[in-house]
PDB file of N, CA and C in Angstrom:
ATOM      1  N   PRO A   1      15.859 -43.593 -64.638  1.00  0.00           N
ATOM      2  CA  PRO A   1      14.747 -44.521 -64.421  1.00  0.00           C
ATOM      3  C   PRO A   1      15.119 -45.601 -63.404  1.00  0.00           C
ATOM      4  N   THR A   2      14.123 -46.076 -62.666  1.00  0.00           N
ATOM      5  CA  THR A   2      14.386 -47.085 -61.653  1.00  0.00           C
ATOM      6  C   THR A   2      14.892 -48.378 -62.263  1.00  0.00           C
ATOM      7  N   SER A   3      14.496 -48.700 -63.479  1.00  0.00           N
ATOM      8  CA  SER A   3      14.964 -49.931 -64.116  1.00  0.00           C
ATOM      9  C   SER A   3      16.459 -49.893 -64.383  1.00  0.00           C
ATOM     10  N   ALA A   4      17.056 -48.722 -64.443  1.00  0.00           N
ATOM     11  CA  ALA A   4      18.483 -48.597 -64.719  1.00  0.00           C
ATOM     12  C   ALA A   4      19.311 -48.546 -63.440  1.00  0.00           C
ATOM     13  N   HIS A   5      18.657 -48.620 -62.259  1.00  0.00           N
ATOM     14  CA  HIS A   5      19.364 -48.507 -60.988  1.00  0.00           C
ATOM     15  C   HIS A   5      20.068 -49.828 -60.663  1.00  0.00           C
ATOM     16  N   ARG A   6      21.393 -49.775 -60.599  1.00  0.00           N
ATOM     17  CA  ARG A   6      22.183 -50.957 -60.272  1.00  0.00           C
ATOM     18  C   ARG A   6      23.311 -50.557 -59.345  1.00  0.00           C
ATOM     19  N   LYS A   7      23.580 -51.383 -58.341  1.00  0.00           N
ATOM     20  CA  LYS A   7      24.684 -51.091 -57.440  1.00  0.00           C
ATOM     21  C   LYS A   7      25.995 -51.633 -57.991  1.00  0.00           C
ATOM     22  N   ARG A   8      25.976 -52.779 -58.652  1.00  0.00           N
ATOM     23  CA  ARG A   8      27.200 -53.385 -59.171  1.00  0.00           C
ATOM     24  C   ARG A   8      27.755 -52.652 -60.382  1.00  0.00           C
ATOM     25  N   ASP A   9      26.893 -52.368 -61.313  1.00  0.00           N
ATOM     26  CA  ASP A   9      27.295 -51.705 -62.554  1.00  0.00           C
ATOM     27  C   ASP A   9      26.582 -50.364 -62.667  1.00  0.00           C
ATOM     28  N   PRO A  10      27.128 -49.308 -62.044  1.00  0.00           N
ATOM     29  CA  PRO A  10      26.466 -48.000 -62.108  1.00  0.00           C
ATOM     30  C   PRO A  10      26.269 -47.539 -63.554  1.00  0.00           C
ATOM     31  N   VAL A  11      25.148 -46.895 -63.805  1.00  0.00           N
ATOM     32  CA  VAL A  11      24.821 -46.406 -65.138  1.00  0.00           C
ATOM     33  C   VAL A  11      25.463 -45.032 -65.330  1.00  0.00           C
ATOM     34  N   LYS A  12      26.185 -44.873 -66.433  1.00  0.00           N
ATOM     35  CA  LYS A  12      26.832 -43.597 -66.754  1.00  0.00           C
ATOM     36  C   LYS A  12      25.834 -42.669 -67.437  1.00  0.00           C
ATOM     37  N   ALA A  13      26.194 -41.399 -67.530  1.00  0.00           N
ATOM     38  CA  ALA A  13      25.362 -40.437 -68.263  1.00  0.00           C
ATOM     39  C   ALA A  13      25.259 -40.898 -69.715  1.00  0.00           C
ATOM     40  N   GLN A  14      24.097 -40.713 -70.304  1.00  0.00           N
ATOM     41  CA  GLN A  14      23.886 -41.142 -71.689  1.00  0.00           C
ATOM     42  C   GLN A  14      22.850 -40.250 -72.360  1.00  0.00           C
ATOM     43  N   TRP A  15      22.855 -40.240 -73.689  1.00  0.00           N
ATOM     44  CA  TRP A  15      21.872 -39.456 -74.432  1.00  0.00           C
ATOM     45  C   TRP A  15      20.484 -39.956 -74.104  1.00  0.00           C
ATOM     46  N   ARG A  16      19.553 -39.037 -73.951  1.00  0.00           N
ATOM     47  CA  ARG A  16      18.159 -39.404 -73.670  1.00  0.00           C
ATOM     48  C   ARG A  16      17.359 -39.287 -74.961  1.00  0.00           C
ATOM     49  N   THR A  17      16.893 -40.409 -75.455  1.00  0.00           N
ATOM     50  CA  THR A  17      16.155 -40.432 -76.721  1.00  0.00           C
ATOM     51  C   THR A  17      14.656 -40.639 -76.517  1.00  0.00           C
ATOM     52  N   LYS A  18      14.220 -40.582 -75.261  1.00  0.00           N
ATOM     53  CA  LYS A  18      12.795 -40.755 -74.969  1.00  0.00           C
ATOM     54  C   LYS A  18      12.167 -39.394 -74.699  1.00  0.00           C
ATOM     55  N   LYS A  19      10.873 -39.405 -74.430  1.00  0.00           N
ATOM     56  CA  LYS A  19      10.155 -38.160 -74.159  1.00  0.00           C
ATOM     57  C   LYS A  19      10.681 -37.511 -72.901  1.00  0.00           C
ATOM     58  N   PRO A  20      10.592 -36.225 -72.757  1.00  0.00           N
ATOM     59  CA  PRO A  20       9.952 -35.254 -73.643  1.00  0.00           C
ATOM     60  C   PRO A  20      10.839 -34.924 -74.840  1.00  0.00           C
ATOM     61  N   ASP A  21      10.205 -34.531 -75.934  1.00  0.00           N
ATOM     62  CA  ASP A  21      10.928 -34.125 -77.129  1.00  0.00           C
ATOM     63  C   ASP A  21      11.720 -32.853 -76.844  1.00  0.00           C
ATOM     64  N   ALA A  22      12.900 -32.753 -77.451  1.00  0.00           N
ATOM     65  CA  ALA A  22      13.784 -31.606 -77.221  1.00  0.00           C
ATOM     66  C   ALA A  22      13.090 -30.286 -77.584  1.00  0.00           C
ATOM     67  N   ASP A  23      12.323 -30.260 -78.666  1.00  0.00           N
ATOM     68  CA  ASP A  23      11.665 -29.013 -79.061  1.00  0.00           C
ATOM     69  C   ASP A  23      10.596 -28.605 -78.048  1.00  0.00           C
ATOM     70  N   ASN A  24       9.958 -29.570 -77.408  1.00  0.00           N
ATOM     71  CA  ASN A  24       8.967 -29.237 -76.384  1.00  0.00           C
ATOM     72  C   ASN A  24       9.631 -28.701 -75.120  1.00  0.00           C
ATOM     73  N   VAL A  25      10.812 -29.217 -74.794  1.00  0.00           N
ATOM     74  CA  VAL A  25      11.567 -28.693 -73.657  1.00  0.00           C
ATOM     75  C   VAL A  25      11.930 -27.232 -73.934  1.00  0.00           C
ATOM     76  N   ALA A  26      12.405 -26.944 -75.147  1.00  0.00           N
ATOM     77  CA  ALA A  26      12.780 -25.577 -75.521  1.00  0.00           C
ATOM     78  C   ALA A  26      11.579 -24.642 -75.435  1.00  0.00           C
ATOM     79  N   LYS A  27      10.415 -25.086 -75.935  1.00  0.00           N
ATOM     80  CA  LYS A  27       9.206 -24.256 -75.884  1.00  0.00           C
ATOM     81  C   LYS A  27       8.804 -23.949 -74.447  1.00  0.00           C
ATOM     82  N   LEU A  28       8.873 -24.950 -73.584  1.00  0.00           N
ATOM     83  CA  LEU A  28       8.508 -24.775 -72.185  1.00  0.00           C
ATOM     84  C   LEU A  28       9.395 -23.737 -71.508  1.00  0.00           C
ATOM     85  N   ILE A  29      10.697 -23.845 -71.731  1.00  0.00           N
ATOM     86  CA  ILE A  29      11.637 -22.909 -71.115  1.00  0.00           C
ATOM     87  C   ILE A  29      11.454 -21.506 -71.683  1.00  0.00           C
ATOM     88  N   CYS A  30      11.303 -21.394 -72.997  1.00  0.00           N
ATOM     89  CA  CYS A  30      11.112 -20.081 -73.623  1.00  0.00           C
ATOM     90  C   CYS A  30       9.845 -19.406 -73.098  1.00  0.00           C
ATOM     91  N   ASP A  31       8.761 -20.158 -73.007  1.00  0.00           N
ATOM     92  CA  ASP A  31       7.505 -19.592 -72.497  1.00  0.00           C
ATOM     93  C   ASP A  31       7.628 -19.207 -71.020  1.00  0.00           C
ATOM     94  N   ALA A  32       8.332 -20.018 -70.246  1.00  0.00           N
ATOM     95  CA  ALA A  32       8.480 -19.745 -68.814  1.00  0.00           C
ATOM     96  C   ALA A  32       9.279 -18.477 -68.560  1.00  0.00           C
ATOM     97  N   LEU A  33      10.177 -18.111 -69.479  1.00  0.00           N
ATOM     98  CA  LEU A  33      11.025 -16.938 -69.281  1.00  0.00           C
ATOM     99  C   LEU A  33      10.455 -15.664 -69.910  1.00  0.00           C
ATOM    100  N   ASN A  34       9.247 -15.746 -70.492  1.00  0.00           N
ATOM    101  CA  ASN A  34       8.575 -14.543 -70.989  1.00  0.00           C
ATOM    102  C   ASN A  34       8.376 -13.566 -69.835  1.00  0.00           C
ATOM    103  N   GLY A  35       8.751 -12.314 -70.070  1.00  0.00           N
ATOM    104  CA  GLY A  35       8.595 -11.295 -69.047  1.00  0.00           C
ATOM    105  C   GLY A  35       9.677 -11.323 -67.980  1.00  0.00           C
ATOM    106  N   ILE A  36      10.582 -12.302 -68.034  1.00  0.00           N
ATOM    107  CA  ILE A  36      11.677 -12.403 -67.064  1.00  0.00           C
ATOM    108  C   ILE A  36      13.007 -12.151 -67.764  1.00  0.00           C
ATOM    109  N   ALA A  37      13.302 -12.960 -68.782  1.00  0.00           N
ATOM    110  CA  ALA A  37      14.562 -12.820 -69.508  1.00  0.00           C
ATOM    111  C   ALA A  37      14.380 -12.005 -70.791  1.00  0.00           C
ATOM    112  N   TRP A  38      13.172 -11.951 -71.295  1.00  0.00           N
ATOM    113  CA  TRP A  38      12.843 -11.195 -72.494  1.00  0.00           C
ATOM    114  C   TRP A  38      11.367 -10.828 -72.432  1.00  0.00           C
ATOM    115  N   GLN A  39      10.964  -9.879 -73.288  1.00  0.00           N
ATOM    116  CA  GLN A  39       9.555  -9.479 -73.300  1.00  0.00           C
ATOM    117  C   GLN A  39       8.678 -10.592 -73.859  1.00  0.00           C
ATOM    118  N   ASP A  40       9.131 -11.199 -74.954  1.00  0.00           N
ATOM    119  CA  ASP A  40       8.384 -12.285 -75.594  1.00  0.00           C
ATOM    120  C   ASP A  40       9.383 -13.250 -76.198  1.00  0.00           C
ATOM    121  N   ASP A  41       9.068 -14.537 -76.205  1.00  0.00           N
ATOM    122  CA  ASP A  41      10.018 -15.510 -76.724  1.00  0.00           C
ATOM    123  C   ASP A  41      10.219 -15.421 -78.243  1.00  0.00           C
ATOM    124  N   SER A  42       9.489 -14.547 -78.901  1.00  0.00           N
ATOM    125  CA  SER A  42       9.755 -14.305 -80.328  1.00  0.00           C
ATOM    126  C   SER A  42      11.104 -13.611 -80.514  1.00  0.00           C
ATOM    127  N   GLN A  43      11.656 -13.052 -79.422  1.00  0.00           N
ATOM    128  CA  GLN A  43      12.963 -12.402 -79.476  1.00  0.00           C
ATOM    129  C   GLN A  43      14.116 -13.416 -79.484  1.00  0.00           C
ATOM    130  N   VAL A  44      13.840 -14.671 -79.174  1.00  0.00           N
ATOM    131  CA  VAL A  44      14.878 -15.711 -79.137  1.00  0.00           C
ATOM    132  C   VAL A  44      15.265 -16.078 -80.561  1.00  0.00           C
ATOM    133  N   CYS A  45      16.566 -16.020 -80.865  1.00  0.00           N
ATOM    134  CA  CYS A  45      17.052 -16.278 -82.226  1.00  0.00           C
ATOM    135  C   CYS A  45      17.828 -17.578 -82.353  1.00  0.00           C
ATOM    136  N   VAL A  46      18.460 -18.036 -81.290  1.00  0.00           N
ATOM    137  CA  VAL A  46      19.283 -19.249 -81.335  1.00  0.00           C
ATOM    138  C   VAL A  46      18.925 -20.115 -80.135  1.00  0.00           C
ATOM    139  N   ILE A  47      18.690 -21.401 -80.385  1.00  0.00           N
ATOM    140  CA  ILE A  47      18.394 -22.352 -79.320  1.00  0.00           C
ATOM    141  C   ILE A  47      19.227 -23.612 -79.550  1.00  0.00           C
ATOM    142  N   LEU A  48      19.861 -24.084 -78.492  1.00  0.00           N
ATOM    143  CA  LEU A  48      20.573 -25.362 -78.524  1.00  0.00           C
ATOM    144  C   LEU A  48      20.051 -26.177 -77.357  1.00  0.00           C
ATOM    145  N   VAL A  49      19.475 -27.348 -77.650  1.00  0.00           N
ATOM    146  CA  VAL A  49      18.923 -28.213 -76.620  1.00  0.00           C
ATOM    147  C   VAL A  49      19.678 -29.535 -76.655  1.00  0.00           C
ATOM    148  N   THR A  50      20.142 -29.968 -75.496  1.00  0.00           N
ATOM    149  CA  THR A  50      20.811 -31.256 -75.364  1.00  0.00           C
ATOM    150  C   THR A  50      20.117 -32.026 -74.257  1.00  0.00           C
ATOM    151  N   LYS A  51      19.687 -33.246 -74.551  1.00  0.00           N
ATOM    152  CA  LYS A  51      19.036 -34.079 -73.543  1.00  0.00           C
ATOM    153  C   LYS A  51      19.995 -35.203 -73.152  1.00  0.00           C
ATOM    154  N   VAL A  52      20.361 -35.244 -71.869  1.00  0.00           N
ATOM    155  CA  VAL A  52      21.259 -36.278 -71.359  1.00  0.00           C
ATOM    156  C   VAL A  52      20.637 -36.867 -70.102  1.00  0.00           C
ATOM    157  N   GLN A  53      20.566 -38.189 -70.039  1.00  0.00           N
ATOM    158  CA  GLN A  53      20.114 -38.872 -68.829  1.00  0.00           C
ATOM    159  C   GLN A  53      21.241 -38.799 -67.814  1.00  0.00           C
ATOM    160  N   ALA A  54      20.977 -38.296 -66.624  1.00  0.00           N
ATOM    161  CA  ALA A  54      22.004 -38.154 -65.594  1.00  0.00           C
ATOM    162  C   ALA A  54      22.574 -39.512 -65.215  1.00  0.00           C
ATOM    163  N   ALA A  55      23.845 -39.524 -64.856  1.00  0.00           N
ATOM    164  CA  ALA A  55      24.483 -40.745 -64.387  1.00  0.00           C
ATOM    165  C   ALA A  55      23.852 -41.155 -63.066  1.00  0.00           C
ATOM    166  N   GLN A  56      23.915 -42.435 -62.771  1.00  0.00           N
ATOM    167  CA  GLN A  56      23.371 -42.938 -61.518  1.00  0.00           C
ATOM    168  C   GLN A  56      24.025 -42.217 -60.347  1.00  0.00           C
ATOM    169  N   GLY A  57      23.228 -41.723 -59.449  1.00  0.00           N
ATOM    170  CA  GLY A  57      23.745 -41.009 -58.289  1.00  0.00           C
ATOM    171  C   GLY A  57      23.824 -39.510 -58.479  1.00  0.00           C
ATOM    172  N   ASP A  58      23.775 -39.028 -59.717  1.00  0.00           N
ATOM    173  CA  ASP A  58      23.800 -37.594 -59.990  1.00  0.00           C
ATOM    174  C   ASP A  58      22.372 -37.047 -59.974  1.00  0.00           C
ATOM    175  N   ALA A  59      22.217 -35.831 -59.512  1.00  0.00           N
ATOM    176  CA  ALA A  59      20.903 -35.196 -59.485  1.00  0.00           C
ATOM    177  C   ALA A  59      20.501 -34.745 -60.889  1.00  0.00           C
ATOM    178  N   ALA A  60      19.226 -34.840 -61.186  1.00  0.00           N
ATOM    179  CA  ALA A  60      18.707 -34.327 -62.455  1.00  0.00           C
ATOM    180  C   ALA A  60      18.744 -32.811 -62.403  1.00  0.00           C
ATOM    181  N   LYS A  61      18.982 -32.171 -63.555  1.00  0.00           N
ATOM    182  CA  LYS A  61      19.035 -30.711 -63.576  1.00  0.00           C
ATOM    183  C   LYS A  61      18.724 -30.195 -64.967  1.00  0.00           C
ATOM    184  N   THR A  62      18.355 -28.945 -65.005  1.00  0.00           N
ATOM    185  CA  THR A  62      18.168 -28.219 -66.252  1.00  0.00           C
ATOM    186  C   THR A  62      19.035 -26.988 -66.176  1.00  0.00           C
ATOM    187  N   THR A  63      19.858 -26.788 -67.198  1.00  0.00           N
ATOM    188  CA  THR A  63      20.744 -25.634 -67.236  1.00  0.00           C
ATOM    189  C   THR A  63      20.325 -24.744 -68.392  1.00  0.00           C
ATOM    190  N   VAL A  64      20.122 -23.461 -68.103  1.00  0.00           N
ATOM    191  CA  VAL A  64      19.752 -22.494 -69.134  1.00  0.00           C
ATOM    192  C   VAL A  64      20.812 -21.404 -69.146  1.00  0.00           C
ATOM    193  N   THR A  65      21.388 -21.148 -70.324  1.00  0.00           N
ATOM    194  CA  THR A  65      22.359 -20.085 -70.500  1.00  0.00           C
ATOM    195  C   THR A  65      21.771 -19.076 -71.475  1.00  0.00           C
ATOM    196  N   ILE A  66      21.747 -17.824 -71.090  1.00  0.00           N
ATOM    197  CA  ILE A  66      21.181 -16.772 -71.942  1.00  0.00           C
ATOM    198  C   ILE A  66      22.284 -15.769 -72.258  1.00  0.00           C
ATOM    199  N   GLU A  67      22.448 -15.492 -73.529  1.00  0.00           N
ATOM    200  CA  GLU A  67      23.440 -14.507 -73.977  1.00  0.00           C
ATOM    201  C   GLU A  67      22.767 -13.514 -74.899  1.00  0.00           C
ATOM    202  N   GLN A  68      23.122 -12.252 -74.754  1.00  0.00           N
ATOM    203  CA  GLN A  68      22.602 -11.238 -75.661  1.00  0.00           C
ATOM    204  C   GLN A  68      23.440 -11.272 -76.934  1.00  0.00           C
ATOM    205  N   LEU A  69      22.775 -11.298 -78.070  1.00  0.00           N
ATOM    206  CA  LEU A  69      23.477 -11.335 -79.350  1.00  0.00           C
ATOM    207  C   LEU A  69      23.882  -9.923 -79.784  1.00  0.00           C
ATOM    208  N   GLY A  70      25.010  -9.845 -80.460  1.00  0.00           N
ATOM    209  CA  GLY A  70      25.454  -8.581 -81.014  1.00  0.00           C
ATOM    210  C   GLY A  70      24.808  -8.334 -82.358  1.00  0.00           C
ATOM    211  N   GLU A  71      25.284  -7.342 -83.059  1.00  0.00           N
ATOM    212  CA  GLU A  71      24.762  -7.015 -84.387  1.00  0.00           C
ATOM    213  C   GLU A  71      25.059  -8.163 -85.357  1.00  0.00           C
ATOM    214  N   HIS A  72      24.113  -8.458 -86.219  1.00  0.00           N
ATOM    215  CA  HIS A  72      24.289  -9.521 -87.233  1.00  0.00           C
ATOM    216  C   HIS A  72      25.073  -8.939 -88.398  1.00  0.00           C
ATOM    217  N   GLU A  73      26.079  -9.645 -88.822  1.00  0.00           N
ATOM    218  CA  GLU A  73      26.924  -9.155 -89.928  1.00  0.00           C
ATOM    219  C   GLU A  73      26.458  -9.639 -91.257  1.00  0.00           C
TER     220      GLU A  73
END
């Protein structure tokens, strides 16, 4: 956020507790990958979402890692 922009005391990466909600981010990504990474997002079994505000000067990014699960024991 622009309010956190400082030249003297750069802002470090920190947990983001504001909107968007983590579950909404997960839904958006799952829906966007329908037909690309899987046939339907109902096939997704494990989701881990971490929201971090980028440090000052770092570019914002979204990282998605997809792994195929093996047989459930």
